[in-house]
Amino acid sequence: AFTLIELLVAIVIISVLIGTIWYQVYKPTQEKAVVETDALIPAKNCMASIISYCINHPGQAFSLNQFVDCQNYKSLYGYISFYAENTRCTQNGTLDPNFLLEVSDNQSDTFKVVCKIQNEGFKCTIESF
């Protein structure tokens, strides 16, 4: 027969083990939610600003810093940073089909937002590193 103390100790040990396993499963989901909350909308706003600029300034180079929507800033959960290469509009007022905008949150070591040109617009998705 077991005493009440032995049963309570067994319950505590099992609870700690379950909590540890649950945390390992929950952490990536929580990181992805933080990136989605903090970085997805700013990424879409930045892409919209860049596309609008290209329509009005075909063939011109640009810097992400010249757009208010594309500047690094402190957000609700962390620090959001924007990165892009090939920052030049095409002669017909669009972005290069290979243009990528990456937006990352310093609170996540696993996920970032990546925006790509698709057909007549763009699509932003959350991707893992």
C-alpha atoms as a PDB file:
ATOM      1  CA  ALA A   1       0.000   0.000   0.000  1.00  0.00           C
ATOM      2  CA  PHE A   2       1.145   3.547  -0.744  1.00  0.00           C
ATOM      3  CA  THR A   3       0.928   6.457   1.643  1.00  0.00           C
ATOM      4  CA  LEU A   4      -0.651   9.747   0.716  1.00  0.00           C
ATOM      5  CA  ILE A   5       2.783  11.438   0.596  1.00  0.00           C
ATOM      6  CA  GLU A   6       4.129   8.856  -1.875  1.00  0.00           C
ATOM      7  CA  LEU A   7       1.108   9.328  -4.142  1.00  0.00           C
ATOM      8  CA  LEU A   8       1.466  13.121  -4.027  1.00  0.00           C
ATOM      9  CA  VAL A   9       5.178  12.890  -4.874  1.00  0.00           C
ATOM     10  CA  ALA A  10       4.392  10.618  -7.829  1.00  0.00           C
ATOM     11  CA  ILE A  11       1.729  13.063  -9.056  1.00  0.00           C
ATOM     12  CA  VAL A  12       4.160  15.987  -8.786  1.00  0.00           C
ATOM     13  CA  ILE A  13       6.882  14.119 -10.731  1.00  0.00           C
ATOM     14  CA  ILE A  14       4.444  13.146 -13.477  1.00  0.00           C
ATOM     15  CA  SER A  15       3.111  16.731 -13.652  1.00  0.00           C
ATOM     16  CA  VAL A  16       6.637  18.139 -14.061  1.00  0.00           C
ATOM     17  CA  LEU A  17       7.400  15.664 -16.852  1.00  0.00           C
ATOM     18  CA  ILE A  18       4.155  16.458 -18.675  1.00  0.00           C
ATOM     19  CA  GLY A  19       4.787  20.205 -18.254  1.00  0.00           C
ATOM     20  CA  THR A  20       8.278  19.897 -19.734  1.00  0.00           C
ATOM     21  CA  ILE A  21       7.041  17.979 -22.751  1.00  0.00           C
ATOM     22  CA  TRP A  22       4.114  20.363 -23.256  1.00  0.00           C
ATOM     23  CA  TYR A  23       6.440  23.390 -23.181  1.00  0.00           C
ATOM     24  CA  GLN A  24       8.621  21.915 -25.943  1.00  0.00           C
ATOM     25  CA  VAL A  25       5.529  21.444 -28.115  1.00  0.00           C
ATOM     26  CA  TYR A  26       4.044  24.852 -27.257  1.00  0.00           C
ATOM     27  CA  LYS A  27       7.151  27.042 -27.735  1.00  0.00           C
ATOM     28  CA  PRO A  28       7.292  26.954 -31.587  1.00  0.00           C
ATOM     29  CA  THR A  29       3.566  27.665 -31.787  1.00  0.00           C
ATOM     30  CA  GLN A  30       3.964  30.623 -29.456  1.00  0.00           C
ATOM     31  CA  GLU A  31       6.953  31.972 -31.456  1.00  0.00           C
ATOM     32  CA  LYS A  32       4.998  31.727 -34.706  1.00  0.00           C
ATOM     33  CA  ALA A  33       2.059  33.575 -33.132  1.00  0.00           C
ATOM     34  CA  VAL A  34       4.377  36.372 -31.957  1.00  0.00           C
ATOM     35  CA  VAL A  35       5.817  36.780 -35.468  1.00  0.00           C
ATOM     36  CA  GLU A  36       2.336  36.729 -36.979  1.00  0.00           C
ATOM     37  CA  THR A  37       1.083  39.340 -34.512  1.00  0.00           C
ATOM     38  CA  ASP A  38       4.120  41.600 -34.743  1.00  0.00           C
ATOM     39  CA  ALA A  39       5.487  41.311 -38.268  1.00  0.00           C
ATOM     40  CA  LEU A  40       2.861  40.140 -40.775  1.00  0.00           C
ATOM     41  CA  ILE A  41       0.858  43.377 -41.098  1.00  0.00           C
ATOM     42  CA  PRO A  42       3.969  45.623 -41.183  1.00  0.00           C
ATOM     43  CA  ALA A  43       5.429  43.374 -43.909  1.00  0.00           C
ATOM     44  CA  LYS A  44       2.273  43.744 -46.019  1.00  0.00           C
ATOM     45  CA  ASN A  45       2.246  47.519 -45.491  1.00  0.00           C
ATOM     46  CA  CYS A  46       5.908  47.754 -46.500  1.00  0.00           C
ATOM     47  CA  MET A  47       5.315  45.725 -49.683  1.00  0.00           C
ATOM     48  CA  ALA A  48       2.328  47.905 -50.590  1.00  0.00           C
ATOM     49  CA  SER A  49       4.480  51.032 -50.158  1.00  0.00           C
ATOM     50  CA  ILE A  50       7.252  49.598 -52.330  1.00  0.00           C
ATOM     51  CA  ILE A  51       4.845  48.553 -55.098  1.00  0.00           C
ATOM     52  CA  SER A  52       3.197  51.972 -55.029  1.00  0.00           C
ATOM     53  CA  TYR A  53       6.617  53.625 -55.272  1.00  0.00           C
ATOM     54  CA  CYS A  54       7.565  51.479 -58.269  1.00  0.00           C
ATOM     55  CA  ILE A  55       4.363  52.369 -60.089  1.00  0.00           C
ATOM     56  CA  ASN A  56       5.167  56.074 -59.672  1.00  0.00           C
ATOM     57  CA  HIS A  57       8.966  55.806 -60.172  1.00  0.00           C
ATOM     58  CA  PRO A  58       9.759  53.139 -62.819  1.00  0.00           C
ATOM     59  CA  GLY A  59      13.432  52.206 -63.129  1.00  0.00           C
ATOM     60  CA  GLN A  60      14.396  53.963 -59.891  1.00  0.00           C
ATOM     61  CA  ALA A  61      16.407  52.434 -57.064  1.00  0.00           C
ATOM     62  CA  PHE A  62      15.068  52.702 -53.541  1.00  0.00           C
ATOM     63  CA  SER A  63      16.079  52.115 -49.955  1.00  0.00           C
ATOM     64  CA  LEU A  64      13.788  50.541 -47.397  1.00  0.00           C
ATOM     65  CA  ASN A  65      14.607  53.432 -45.049  1.00  0.00           C
ATOM     66  CA  GLN A  66      12.808  55.913 -47.298  1.00  0.00           C
ATOM     67  CA  PHE A  67       9.454  54.252 -46.545  1.00  0.00           C
ATOM     68  CA  VAL A  68       7.813  54.899 -43.187  1.00  0.00           C
ATOM     69  CA  ASP A  69       6.234  51.436 -43.308  1.00  0.00           C
ATOM     70  CA  CYS A  70       9.601  49.727 -43.849  1.00  0.00           C
ATOM     71  CA  GLN A  71      11.668  51.183 -41.025  1.00  0.00           C
ATOM     72  CA  ASN A  72      12.908  49.016 -38.178  1.00  0.00           C
ATOM     73  CA  TYR A  73      10.992  49.645 -34.975  1.00  0.00           C
ATOM     74  CA  LYS A  74      10.174  48.371 -31.505  1.00  0.00           C
ATOM     75  CA  SER A  75       6.926  46.436 -31.525  1.00  0.00           C
ATOM     76  CA  LEU A  76       4.639  44.896 -28.943  1.00  0.00           C
ATOM     77  CA  TYR A  77       6.828  41.832 -28.345  1.00  0.00           C
ATOM     78  CA  GLY A  78      10.251  42.772 -29.662  1.00  0.00           C
ATOM     79  CA  TYR A  79      12.196  44.577 -32.367  1.00  0.00           C
ATOM     80  CA  ILE A  80      11.071  44.270 -35.997  1.00  0.00           C
ATOM     81  CA  SER A  81      13.668  44.533 -38.765  1.00  0.00           C
ATOM     82  CA  PHE A  82      13.217  44.669 -42.541  1.00  0.00           C
ATOM     83  CA  TYR A  83      15.630  43.321 -45.158  1.00  0.00           C
ATOM     84  CA  ALA A  84      15.585  43.239 -48.951  1.00  0.00           C
ATOM     85  CA  GLU A  85      18.081  42.898 -51.804  1.00  0.00           C
ATOM     86  CA  ASN A  86      17.739  44.107 -55.389  1.00  0.00           C
ATOM     87  CA  THR A  87      15.973  47.303 -54.396  1.00  0.00           C
ATOM     88  CA  ARG A  88      15.268  48.706 -57.848  1.00  0.00           C
ATOM     89  CA  CYS A  89      12.005  49.078 -59.719  1.00  0.00           C
ATOM     90  CA  THR A  90      11.801  47.684 -63.232  1.00  0.00           C
ATOM     91  CA  GLN A  91      11.380  49.971 -66.237  1.00  0.00           C
ATOM     92  CA  ASN A  92       7.702  49.043 -66.517  1.00  0.00           C
ATOM     93  CA  GLY A  93       6.959  50.140 -62.940  1.00  0.00           C
ATOM     94  CA  THR A  94       6.922  46.791 -61.168  1.00  0.00           C
ATOM     95  CA  LEU A  95       9.252  44.905 -58.876  1.00  0.00           C
ATOM     96  CA  ASP A  96      11.602  42.199 -60.069  1.00  0.00           C
ATOM     97  CA  PRO A  97       9.761  38.834 -59.927  1.00  0.00           C
ATOM     98  CA  ASN A  98      12.572  37.531 -57.678  1.00  0.00           C
ATOM     99  CA  PHE A  99      12.223  40.379 -55.157  1.00  0.00           C
ATOM    100  CA  LEU A 100      11.986  39.176 -51.550  1.00  0.00           C
ATOM    101  CA  LEU A 101      11.215  41.173 -48.453  1.00  0.00           C
ATOM    102  CA  GLU A 102      12.175  39.521 -45.166  1.00  0.00           C
ATOM    103  CA  VAL A 103      10.781  40.808 -41.894  1.00  0.00           C
ATOM    104  CA  SER A 104      12.040  39.327 -38.652  1.00  0.00           C
ATOM    105  CA  ASP A 105      11.224  39.726 -34.972  1.00  0.00           C
ATOM    106  CA  ASN A 106      14.068  39.419 -32.467  1.00  0.00           C
ATOM    107  CA  GLN A 107      11.733  37.395 -30.213  1.00  0.00           C
ATOM    108  CA  SER A 108      11.828  34.463 -32.637  1.00  0.00           C
ATOM    109  CA  ASP A 109      14.857  32.402 -33.596  1.00  0.00           C
ATOM    110  CA  THR A 110      12.734  30.146 -35.766  1.00  0.00           C
ATOM    111  CA  PHE A 111      10.277  32.175 -37.863  1.00  0.00           C
ATOM    112  CA  LYS A 112      10.257  35.222 -40.159  1.00  0.00           C
ATOM    113  CA  VAL A 113       7.820  36.793 -42.604  1.00  0.00           C
ATOM    114  CA  VAL A 114       8.777  36.523 -46.283  1.00  0.00           C
ATOM    115  CA  CYS A 115       6.933  38.518 -48.963  1.00  0.00           C
ATOM    116  CA  LYS A 116       7.199  37.492 -52.622  1.00  0.00           C
ATOM    117  CA  ILE A 117       5.836  38.872 -55.866  1.00  0.00           C
ATOM    118  CA  GLN A 118       3.032  36.708 -57.287  1.00  0.00           C
ATOM    119  CA  ASN A 119       1.096  37.325 -60.493  1.00  0.00           C
ATOM    120  CA  GLU A 120      -0.272  40.877 -60.210  1.00  0.00           C
ATOM    121  CA  GLY A 121       0.350  41.280 -56.464  1.00  0.00           C
ATOM    122  CA  PHE A 122       2.314  39.810 -53.603  1.00  0.00           C
ATOM    123  CA  LYS A 123       1.971  37.224 -50.874  1.00  0.00           C
ATOM    124  CA  CYS A 124       3.455  37.313 -47.361  1.00  0.00           C
ATOM    125  CA  THR A 125       3.913  34.062 -45.480  1.00  0.00           C
ATOM    126  CA  ILE A 126       5.501  33.004 -42.218  1.00  0.00           C
ATOM    127  CA  GLU A 127       8.461  30.728 -42.861  1.00  0.00           C
ATOM    128  CA  SER A 128      10.990  28.997 -40.671  1.00  0.00           C
ATOM    129  CA  PHE A 129      14.696  29.822 -40.965  1.00  0.00           C
END
